[in-house]
Protein backbone atom coordinates (compact mmCIF):
# COMPACT_ATOMS: atom_id res chain seq x y z
CA MET A 1 93.54 67.03 -98.05
CA ALA A 2 95.95 64.10 -98.16
CA HIS A 3 94.82 60.88 -99.83
CA ILE A 4 95.32 57.65 -97.85
CA LEU A 5 96.06 54.76 -100.23
CA ILE A 6 94.93 51.41 -98.85
CA MET A 7 95.88 47.87 -99.78
CA PRO A 8 93.12 46.80 -102.21
CA ARG A 9 91.24 43.55 -101.74
CA GLN A 10 92.26 41.11 -104.46
CA GLY A 11 89.32 38.69 -104.42
CA ASN A 12 87.03 37.57 -101.65
CA THR A 13 89.43 34.99 -100.23
CA VAL A 14 92.56 37.17 -100.05
CA GLU A 15 93.31 38.45 -96.54
CA SER A 16 96.71 40.08 -97.14
CA CYS A 17 99.14 40.98 -99.91
CA ILE A 18 102.93 41.22 -99.98
CA ILE A 19 104.48 44.42 -101.32
CA THR A 20 107.09 43.13 -103.76
CA GLU A 21 108.36 46.47 -105.05
CA TRP A 22 107.73 50.19 -104.57
CA LYS A 23 107.64 51.99 -107.91
CA VAL A 24 107.95 55.45 -106.30
CA LYS A 25 109.78 56.99 -103.38
CA GLU A 26 108.82 59.60 -100.84
CA GLY A 27 108.83 63.07 -102.41
CA ASP A 28 107.92 61.89 -105.92
CA THR A 29 105.07 63.59 -107.78
CA VAL A 30 102.41 61.19 -109.07
CA THR A 31 99.10 61.21 -110.91
CA SER A 32 96.05 59.14 -110.08
CA GLU A 33 97.13 56.53 -112.67
CA THR A 34 100.74 56.23 -111.52
CA THR A 35 101.65 52.74 -110.33
CA ILE A 36 102.68 53.09 -106.70
CA CYS A 37 103.76 49.52 -106.04
CA GLU A 38 103.49 45.90 -107.10
CA VAL A 39 101.88 43.44 -104.70
CA GLU A 40 101.33 39.71 -104.79
CA THR A 41 99.22 37.11 -103.08
CA ASP A 42 99.90 33.39 -102.97
CA LYS A 43 98.18 33.22 -106.36
CA ALA A 44 98.93 36.29 -108.51
CA SER A 45 100.63 39.68 -108.70
CA PHE A 46 99.02 43.09 -109.22
CA GLU A 47 99.89 46.76 -109.71
CA VAL A 48 98.40 49.32 -107.32
CA PRO A 49 97.66 52.78 -108.78
CA ALA A 50 97.94 55.95 -106.71
CA GLY A 51 94.26 56.83 -106.98
CA ALA A 52 94.99 60.55 -106.54
CA GLY A 53 97.53 63.06 -107.78
CA GLY A 54 100.07 64.86 -105.62
CA THR A 55 103.29 64.24 -103.75
CA VAL A 56 104.15 60.94 -102.09
CA LEU A 57 104.34 62.05 -98.47
CA LYS A 58 104.89 58.68 -96.82
CA LEU A 59 105.36 55.00 -97.66
CA LEU A 60 104.04 53.17 -94.63
CA TYR A 61 105.55 49.75 -95.32
CA GLU A 62 108.73 48.34 -96.74
CA ALA A 63 109.12 46.08 -99.75
CA GLY A 64 108.61 42.50 -98.60
CA ASP A 65 106.06 43.36 -95.89
CA ASP A 66 102.87 41.28 -95.72
CA VAL A 67 100.06 43.84 -95.39
CA PRO A 68 96.42 43.04 -94.52
CA VAL A 69 93.91 44.19 -97.13
CA LEU A 70 92.21 47.57 -96.60
CA LYS A 71 95.12 48.82 -94.44
CA PRO A 72 96.84 52.14 -95.32
CA ILE A 73 100.06 51.65 -97.28
CA ALA A 74 100.92 55.18 -98.49
CA VAL A 75 99.96 58.85 -98.12
CA ILE A 76 99.65 61.21 -101.10
CA GLY A 77 98.98 64.92 -100.79
CA GLU A 78 100.51 68.37 -101.00
CA ALA A 79 104.14 68.91 -100.07
CA ASN A 80 104.72 69.56 -96.35
CA GLU A 81 101.10 68.66 -95.57
CA ASN A 82 100.50 67.32 -92.05
CA TRP A 83 99.27 63.79 -92.77
CA GLN A 84 99.84 62.03 -89.42
CA ALA A 85 96.51 63.08 -87.93
CA LEU A 86 94.58 61.48 -90.79
CA LEU A 87 95.78 57.98 -89.90
CA GLU A 88 94.55 58.17 -86.29
CA GLY A 89 96.85 55.53 -84.90
CA ASN A 90 96.97 53.40 -88.06
CA ILE A 91 100.65 54.12 -88.70
CA PRO A 92 102.15 50.63 -88.96
CA LYS A 93 105.20 49.45 -87.18
CA THR A 94 108.18 48.04 -88.99
CA SER A 95 109.27 44.47 -88.53
CA HIS A 96 111.92 45.82 -86.17
CA GLY A 97 109.47 47.32 -83.72
CA ASP A 98 109.99 51.03 -84.58
CA THR A 99 106.98 53.14 -85.52
CA LYS A 100 107.38 54.62 -88.99
CA THR A 101 107.17 58.40 -88.98
CA GLN A 102 107.65 61.05 -91.62
CA SER A 103 111.20 61.03 -92.90
CA SER A 104 113.43 64.09 -92.51
CA PRO A 105 117.01 64.76 -93.64
CA VAL A 106 119.64 63.86 -91.09
CA SER A 107 123.40 64.03 -90.98
CA GLY A 108 126.25 63.02 -88.75
CA PRO A 109 126.87 59.84 -86.78
CA GLN A 110 124.48 60.85 -83.98
CA SER A 111 121.53 61.10 -86.41
CA GLN A 112 121.22 57.34 -86.49
CA VAL A 113 118.15 56.09 -84.62
CA PRO A 114 119.21 53.84 -81.71
CA ASP A 115 118.47 50.18 -82.20
CA SER A 116 117.75 50.61 -85.91
CA LYS A 117 117.86 47.56 -88.14
CA PRO A 118 121.37 46.06 -88.07
CA PRO A 119 123.12 44.42 -90.98
CA ILE A 120 123.40 40.67 -90.92
CA PRO A 121 125.99 39.70 -88.28
CA GLY A 122 129.09 38.23 -89.82
CA SER A 123 128.44 39.61 -93.33
CA GLN A 124 131.25 40.92 -95.53
CA SER A 125 130.14 44.52 -95.06
CA GLN A 126 132.12 46.40 -92.41
CA ILE A 127 130.67 48.93 -89.94
CA SER A 128 132.89 51.82 -88.99
CA SER A 129 132.61 52.93 -85.40
CA THR A 130 134.46 55.49 -83.35
CA GLN A 131 133.29 53.84 -80.13
CA PRO A 132 135.69 51.60 -78.21
CA LEU A 133 134.70 47.95 -77.99
CA VAL A 134 135.42 47.66 -74.28
CA SER A 135 133.74 49.83 -71.69
CA ASP A 136 134.67 50.58 -68.11
CA PRO A 137 134.66 47.21 -66.25
CA GLN A 138 133.63 48.98 -63.07
CA SER A 139 130.41 50.34 -64.61
CA PRO A 140 127.16 48.45 -64.06
CA LEU A 141 125.85 46.67 -67.15
CA SER A 142 123.18 48.71 -68.97
CA ILE A 143 121.83 47.01 -72.08
CA SER A 144 118.67 47.28 -74.16
CA PRO A 145 116.43 44.19 -74.50
CA ARG A 146 117.12 43.90 -78.22
CA ALA A 147 120.86 44.14 -77.67
CA ARG A 148 120.68 41.49 -74.95
CA ASN A 149 118.70 39.15 -77.23
CA LEU A 150 121.20 39.57 -80.07
CA ALA A 151 124.13 39.01 -77.72
CA GLY A 152 122.59 35.82 -76.43
CA LYS A 153 121.83 34.62 -79.95
CA GLU A 154 125.40 35.25 -81.12
CA ALA A 155 127.05 33.85 -77.94
CA ILE A 156 128.60 37.16 -76.85
CA LYS A 157 129.57 37.21 -73.20
CA MET A 158 127.74 40.16 -71.66
CA ALA A 159 129.29 41.53 -68.51
CA PRO A 160 130.50 44.97 -67.43
CA GLY A 161 133.55 45.86 -69.46
CA THR A 162 133.00 43.57 -72.43
CA VAL A 163 131.24 45.89 -74.93
CA ALA A 164 131.01 49.67 -74.91
CA GLY A 165 127.61 51.30 -75.18
CA SER A 166 126.83 54.16 -77.53
CA GLY A 167 123.30 54.72 -76.30
CA PRO A 168 122.08 57.31 -73.82
CA GLY A 169 124.15 57.19 -70.64
CA GLY A 170 126.51 54.62 -72.16
CA ARG A 171 123.75 52.03 -72.57
CA ILE A 172 124.62 49.11 -74.83
CA ILE A 173 122.23 49.02 -77.79
CA GLU A 174 121.87 46.70 -80.73
CA ARG A 175 124.31 48.47 -83.04
CA ASP A 176 127.05 48.05 -80.43
CA ILE A 177 126.57 44.30 -80.51
CA VAL A 178 126.62 44.38 -84.31
CA ALA A 179 129.88 46.34 -84.27
CA ALA A 180 131.42 43.83 -81.88
CA LEU A 181 130.42 41.00 -84.20
CA GLN A 182 132.24 42.42 -87.23
CA ASN A 183 135.65 41.21 -86.07
CA GLN A 184 134.43 37.89 -84.76
CA PRO A 185 134.22 34.59 -86.64
CA LEU A 186 130.91 33.06 -87.68
CA LEU A 187 129.69 30.35 -85.34
CA THR A 188 127.48 27.32 -85.94
CA ALA A 189 124.29 26.97 -83.93
CA ALA A 190 125.92 24.40 -81.62
CA ALA A 191 128.93 26.66 -81.00
CA LYS A 192 126.64 29.59 -80.19
CA ALA A 193 124.67 27.48 -77.75
CA ALA A 194 127.89 26.46 -75.99
CA GLY A 195 128.76 30.07 -75.24
CA PRO A 196 132.06 32.03 -75.56
CA GLY A 197 135.29 30.08 -75.69
CA THR A 198 138.80 29.89 -77.15
CA VAL A 199 138.85 29.49 -80.90
CA HIS A 200 141.21 26.78 -82.17
CA GLY A 201 142.44 28.25 -85.43
CA GLU A 202 140.03 28.94 -88.24
CA GLY A 203 136.58 27.48 -88.26
CA SER A 204 136.27 24.04 -89.82
CA GLY A 205 132.56 24.34 -90.63
CA ILE A 206 130.78 25.42 -93.80
CA GLY A 207 131.96 28.84 -94.95
CA GLY A 208 134.67 28.88 -92.27
CA ARG A 209 132.17 28.80 -89.42
CA VAL A 210 133.48 27.90 -85.98
CA THR A 211 132.03 24.57 -84.89
CA LEU A 212 131.65 23.18 -81.40
CA GLY A 213 134.82 21.17 -81.91
CA ASP A 214 136.78 24.34 -82.70
CA LEU A 215 136.00 25.86 -79.28
CA SER A 216 137.59 25.31 -75.89
CA HIS A 217 135.89 26.57 -72.72
CA ASP A 218 138.67 25.84 -70.25
CA ALA A 219 140.42 29.16 -70.75
CA ALA A 220 139.47 32.52 -69.31
CA VAL A 221 137.55 34.68 -71.73
CA SER A 222 138.04 38.42 -71.40
CA GLY A 223 135.78 39.62 -74.19
CA PRO A 224 133.08 38.49 -76.56
CA PHE A 225 135.58 35.88 -77.81
CA SER A 226 139.07 35.01 -76.61
CA PRO A 227 141.79 36.55 -78.79
CA THR A 228 143.95 33.49 -78.23
CA LEU A 229 144.13 31.29 -81.32
CA VAL A 230 145.46 27.75 -81.05
CA PRO A 231 147.21 26.85 -84.34
CA PRO A 232 145.46 23.97 -86.04
CA SER A 233 147.26 20.78 -86.79
CA PRO A 234 148.73 20.60 -90.32
CA LEU A 235 146.27 19.12 -92.77
CA VAL A 236 146.61 18.89 -96.50
CA SER A 237 143.19 18.59 -98.11
CA PRO A 238 142.85 16.95 -101.53
CA PHE A 239 139.82 19.13 -102.22
CA PRO A 240 139.87 22.74 -103.46
CA ALA A 241 138.68 25.60 -101.29
CA GLU A 242 134.92 25.87 -100.85
CA GLY A 243 133.08 27.62 -103.64
CA ALA A 244 130.60 30.46 -103.43
CA ILE A 245 127.47 30.08 -101.29
CA THR A 246 124.23 31.74 -102.37
CA GLU A 247 121.68 32.50 -99.67
CA THR A 248 118.13 33.38 -100.78
CA PRO A 249 115.63 34.59 -98.17
CA ILE A 250 112.25 32.86 -98.10
CA LYS A 251 109.81 35.67 -98.76
CA GLY A 252 106.97 36.75 -101.01
CA ILE A 253 104.94 34.03 -102.68
CA ARG A 254 107.49 31.36 -101.70
CA LYS A 255 106.91 32.18 -98.03
CA VAL A 256 103.13 32.10 -98.42
CA ILE A 257 103.27 28.75 -100.23
CA ALA A 258 105.50 27.32 -97.51
CA GLU A 259 103.13 28.48 -94.78
CA ARG A 260 100.09 27.01 -96.54
CA MET A 261 101.79 23.67 -97.18
CA HIS A 262 102.78 23.44 -93.52
CA LYS A 263 99.28 24.37 -92.41
CA SER A 264 97.78 21.75 -94.73
CA LEU A 265 99.89 19.00 -93.19
CA ALA A 266 99.27 20.25 -89.66
CA ASP A 267 95.48 20.51 -90.00
CA SER A 268 94.67 17.23 -91.79
CA ALA A 269 95.42 13.51 -91.56
CA GLN A 270 96.87 12.92 -95.02
CA LEU A 271 97.11 9.47 -96.60
CA THR A 272 98.35 8.69 -100.12
CA LEU A 273 97.20 5.75 -102.29
CA ASN A 274 99.05 4.70 -105.46
CA ALA A 275 97.71 2.87 -108.52
CA SER A 276 98.25 2.68 -112.27
CA ALA A 277 96.04 2.34 -115.34
CA PRO A 278 96.69 0.97 -118.84
CA ALA A 279 97.59 3.89 -121.07
CA SER A 280 97.47 2.34 -124.54
CA LYS A 281 94.12 3.88 -125.50
CA LEU A 282 95.14 7.17 -123.89
CA GLN A 283 98.24 7.34 -126.08
CA GLY A 284 96.32 6.07 -129.11
CA PHE A 285 93.75 8.86 -128.89
CA ARG A 286 96.49 11.46 -128.50
CA SER A 287 98.39 10.14 -131.52
CA GLY A 288 95.26 10.07 -133.67
CA ALA A 289 94.31 13.61 -132.66
CA LYS A 290 97.65 14.96 -133.90
CA ILE A 291 97.16 13.74 -137.48
CA PRO A 292 97.06 16.91 -139.67
CA GLY A 293 93.81 17.49 -141.51
CA GLY A 294 91.99 14.70 -139.69
CA ILE A 295 88.60 14.72 -138.04
CA ALA A 296 90.18 15.60 -134.69
CA GLU A 297 91.36 18.89 -136.15
CA GLU A 298 87.89 19.66 -137.45
CA LEU A 299 86.44 18.97 -133.99
CA GLY A 300 89.03 21.18 -132.25
CA LEU A 301 90.78 18.22 -130.60
CA SER A 302 94.17 18.41 -132.32
CA LYS A 303 95.81 20.11 -129.36
CA VAL A 304 94.28 17.93 -126.66
CA SER A 305 97.03 16.65 -124.35
CA ILE A 306 97.29 13.56 -122.16
CA ASN A 307 96.67 15.82 -119.16
CA ASP A 308 93.49 17.19 -120.78
CA LEU A 309 92.18 13.64 -121.19
CA ILE A 310 92.91 12.92 -117.52
CA LEU A 311 91.10 16.09 -116.45
CA PHE A 312 88.12 15.00 -118.54
CA ALA A 313 88.13 11.53 -116.96
CA VAL A 314 88.37 13.03 -113.44
CA SER A 315 85.48 15.42 -114.14
CA ARG A 316 83.27 12.49 -115.22
CA THR A 317 84.31 10.14 -112.40
CA LEU A 318 83.94 12.54 -109.46
CA PRO A 319 80.11 12.92 -109.65
CA ARG A 320 79.82 9.17 -109.01
CA PHE A 321 81.80 9.64 -105.77
CA PRO A 322 80.52 12.90 -104.24
CA TYR A 323 82.46 12.38 -101.02
CA MET A 324 85.66 13.00 -103.04
CA ASN A 325 84.40 16.29 -104.47
CA ALA A 326 84.10 17.96 -101.09
CA HIS A 327 85.48 20.35 -98.48
CA LYS A 328 86.13 19.70 -94.81
CA SER A 329 84.99 22.74 -92.83
CA GLY A 330 85.37 22.38 -89.08
CA ASN A 331 83.24 19.41 -88.05
CA ALA A 332 81.26 19.34 -91.31
CA ILE A 333 81.91 17.93 -94.77
CA LYS A 334 80.43 19.82 -97.72
CA ALA A 335 79.92 17.73 -100.87
CA PHE A 336 79.46 19.60 -104.17
CA GLU A 337 77.33 18.67 -107.16
CA ARG A 338 79.44 20.66 -109.61
CA VAL A 339 83.10 19.85 -110.20
CA HIS A 340 85.32 22.92 -110.00
CA LEU A 341 88.61 21.38 -111.03
CA ALA A 342 91.88 22.99 -109.92
CA VAL A 343 94.99 22.35 -112.02
CA ALA A 344 98.44 22.91 -110.50
CA VAL A 345 100.65 25.09 -112.74
CA ASP A 346 104.40 25.57 -112.34
CA THR A 347 105.32 29.23 -112.90
CA PRO A 348 108.50 31.30 -112.44
CA ARG A 349 106.87 32.84 -109.34
CA GLY A 350 105.98 29.49 -107.81
CA LEU A 351 103.09 27.03 -107.77
CA MET A 352 99.71 28.40 -108.83
CA VAL A 353 96.37 26.55 -108.96
CA PRO A 354 93.77 27.99 -111.38
CA VAL A 355 90.25 26.53 -111.46
CA ILE A 356 88.21 25.12 -114.36
CA ARG A 357 84.63 25.95 -113.36
CA ASN A 358 81.86 23.38 -113.90
CA ALA A 359 84.29 20.94 -115.48
CA ASN A 360 81.76 18.10 -115.33
CA LEU A 361 79.54 20.05 -117.76
CA LEU A 362 82.27 20.88 -120.29
CA ALA A 363 83.24 18.90 -123.37
CA LEU A 364 86.81 17.64 -123.80
CA SER A 365 87.66 20.45 -126.22
CA GLN A 366 86.34 23.06 -123.75
CA ILE A 367 88.32 21.60 -120.85
CA SER A 368 91.45 21.61 -123.01
CA LEU A 369 91.03 25.24 -124.08
CA GLU A 370 90.24 26.45 -120.56
CA ALA A 371 93.18 24.59 -119.03
CA LYS A 372 95.58 26.16 -121.55
CA ARG A 373 94.09 29.63 -121.11
CA LEU A 374 94.41 29.51 -117.33
CA ALA A 375 97.95 28.12 -117.47
CA ALA A 376 99.02 30.94 -119.78
CA ALA A 377 97.42 33.54 -117.48
CA CYS A 378 99.35 32.11 -114.53
CA GLN A 379 102.60 32.11 -116.47
CA ASN A 380 102.35 35.79 -117.44
CA GLY A 381 100.85 36.93 -114.12
CA THR A 382 97.44 38.04 -115.45
CA ALA A 383 95.25 35.44 -113.74
CA ALA A 384 92.36 37.06 -111.86
CA PRO A 385 91.91 36.27 -108.14
CA ASP A 386 88.55 34.60 -108.74
CA GLU A 387 90.21 32.26 -111.26
CA LEU A 388 92.50 31.02 -108.51
CA SER A 389 89.98 30.11 -105.81
CA GLY A 390 86.83 28.07 -105.22
CA SER A 391 88.06 24.65 -106.35
CA THR A 392 86.51 21.39 -105.11
CA PHE A 393 89.20 18.95 -106.33
CA THR A 394 92.79 19.39 -107.50
CA VAL A 395 94.95 17.61 -110.09
CA THR A 396 98.73 18.04 -110.12
CA ASN A 397 100.81 16.45 -112.89
CA LEU A 398 104.52 15.61 -112.60
CA GLY A 399 104.42 12.86 -115.22
CA SER A 400 106.27 14.89 -117.84
CA LEU A 401 109.23 15.06 -115.45
CA GLY A 402 109.47 11.28 -115.21
CA ILE A 403 108.11 10.97 -111.67
CA GLU A 404 106.95 7.44 -110.88
CA SER A 405 105.04 8.28 -107.68
CA PHE A 406 104.86 11.10 -105.14
CA THR A 407 102.82 12.43 -102.24
CA PRO A 408 100.68 15.44 -103.25
CA ILE A 409 99.78 17.80 -100.39
CA LEU A 410 96.11 18.65 -99.97
CA ASN A 411 94.85 21.96 -101.27
CA THR A 412 92.76 22.53 -98.14
CA PRO A 413 89.85 22.69 -97.43
CA GLU A 414 89.55 20.09 -100.21
CA VAL A 415 89.55 16.50 -98.98
CA ALA A 416 91.47 14.96 -101.91
CA ILE A 417 94.11 15.74 -104.52
CA LEU A 418 95.21 13.57 -107.46
CA GLY A 419 98.83 13.35 -108.51
CA VAL A 420 99.51 12.24 -112.09
CA CYS A 421 102.76 10.34 -112.65
CA GLY A 422 104.70 9.25 -115.71
CA ILE A 423 103.85 6.53 -118.23
CA GLU A 424 105.97 3.38 -117.85
CA MET A 425 106.10 -0.02 -119.46
CA LYS A 426 104.86 -2.73 -117.08
CA PRO A 427 104.73 -6.51 -117.50
CA VAL A 428 101.26 -7.99 -118.02
CA ALA A 429 100.48 -11.69 -118.01
CA ALA A 430 99.02 -12.63 -121.40
CA GLN A 431 95.88 -14.77 -121.52
CA SER A 432 95.43 -17.54 -124.06
CA ALA A 433 92.30 -17.87 -126.18
CA GLU A 434 91.72 -21.42 -124.93
CA GLN A 435 92.13 -20.54 -121.25
CA PRO A 436 91.28 -16.81 -120.85
CA GLU A 437 91.30 -17.01 -117.05
CA SER A 438 94.76 -18.50 -116.81
CA ALA A 439 98.11 -17.02 -117.65
CA SER A 440 101.50 -18.60 -118.08
CA LEU A 441 104.42 -17.11 -116.23
CA CYS A 442 106.38 -17.38 -119.45
CA ASN A 443 103.74 -15.61 -121.53
CA VAL A 444 104.25 -11.98 -120.53
CA ARG A 445 104.01 -8.81 -122.56
CA PHE A 446 104.82 -5.19 -121.66
CA GLU A 447 102.18 -2.47 -121.86
CA PRO A 448 102.29 1.27 -121.03
CA HIS A 449 100.73 2.24 -117.70
CA ILE A 450 100.18 5.68 -116.20
CA GLY A 451 100.60 6.10 -112.45
CA PHE A 452 98.35 7.99 -110.03
CA SER A 453 98.98 9.14 -106.45
CA LEU A 454 95.79 10.07 -104.58
CA THR A 455 96.14 11.95 -101.28
CA ILE A 456 93.06 12.12 -99.05
CA ASP A 457 92.17 13.66 -95.71
CA HIS A 458 91.61 10.56 -93.60
CA GLU A 459 89.48 12.65 -91.23
CA ALA A 460 86.90 12.99 -94.02
CA ILE A 461 87.45 9.89 -96.18
CA ASP A 462 88.41 6.33 -95.28
CA GLY A 463 90.91 4.36 -97.31
CA ALA A 464 88.44 1.93 -98.91
CA PRO A 465 86.07 4.58 -100.36
CA ALA A 466 89.08 6.48 -101.69
CA ALA A 467 90.41 3.28 -103.24
CA ARG A 468 87.07 2.69 -104.98
CA PHE A 469 87.25 6.12 -106.57
CA LEU A 470 90.84 5.55 -107.70
CA LYS A 471 89.92 2.16 -109.17
CA ALA A 472 87.00 3.70 -111.09
CA LEU A 473 89.26 6.45 -112.41
CA CYS A 474 91.83 3.92 -113.60
CA GLU A 475 89.06 2.02 -115.41
CA ALA A 476 87.90 5.26 -117.06
CA ILE A 477 91.47 5.97 -118.21
CA ALA A 478 91.90 2.41 -119.49
CA HIS A 479 88.71 2.77 -121.58
CA ILE A 480 88.93 6.48 -122.40
CA ASP A 481 87.42 5.83 -125.84
CA ILE A 482 84.25 4.44 -124.29
CA LEU A 483 84.08 7.33 -121.82
CA LEU A 484 84.34 9.87 -124.64
CA ALA A 485 81.69 8.07 -126.70
CA ALA A 486 79.28 8.00 -123.76
CA ARG A 487 79.45 11.76 -123.34
């Protein structure tokens, strides 16, 4: 009996996975350990084994599809086995609306399925067609809904006699519109919205696109576009011809990240507060820890970074302000006793946020080791799903890139996220020994300060309580030596 391979659940919080690559094709022979495909969530990537030996009878989704967990993704069994009945209506539909069925060899131009996925209109690839572009003007217009939508989107005038149909009974289908587009110039969105018109020379927009100013609508149009070209006025440009343009589709983890960022902004009232803290003692501790053969090396602190010290300070400050270490869930706010600290990590696949569990109970050396371990797992794609969920507060650090301030976006359902900025020299009024409360405008010294950007959900936290937390954190950073001694 055929084996139905389902999309595995990658952690309790993962609802769907994106198929990034199929490692096999239909007709291949596999074993139970053969990797069928690679999938990814917004947090990590995984390989999916076949789970049974046999022949790959059907791949139910395409690479790039976002598939809910526990849904069938492939069928493995004996060659020529009837597998359709096993799915009982669970055969997915493609993103183009066609139900996927078992593939069979086809040949000839008529073997193409009507309204199959067209190439991108206006691309460099050419479509050969034996069909004429103009049909009988006396025939009534018969056009499929998908063809009509594409024609409207690309500003093709649809009337009897404008485009020939290759569908049943001469019906215009989507591939006919695509064929008509191959010999037409690219239009900007404004030009498409204006409808068909006379093209004045070549397009003046990006990539030679026809802009609204290149069109004239006072002339009769006999086809999708008027063949009449009005020569452009002579113009000698001092600039060279436009260079290559690279277009990258938003898909996979980048698409998931984009959707979550948009949802975060749409579902919460986000407010960002900025402050800075003296960083002299922070830098002094780091410099002392790097001394070879010193006590810091014996205590396992030689590789502690500035970011590790900040994570330690955050883990010790949050318990004093439980409303910051919380989630907003519907109309309730859940405050947590333990600090599960998320750390944003930049990876080749995109932003990932692993979690240091029980950070408020860990020593500085333990926080440092765990942060480095999780970052390495994210970089090489081996982070487990449970290591990428369940955080109560997030820290994201752009200080090493020289950022002075920014607006972090909430990692919902958390109610706050801390952005760490760069260290800068700032002027500080010096106090005299005789008059410690007064400072001369001429007696100024420069000291290093580290910046912080705290974003909160104003639905859960007001500005003043958030400011109190940020002030306490800055004090902890300014006196990091005392904080370390107290713990």
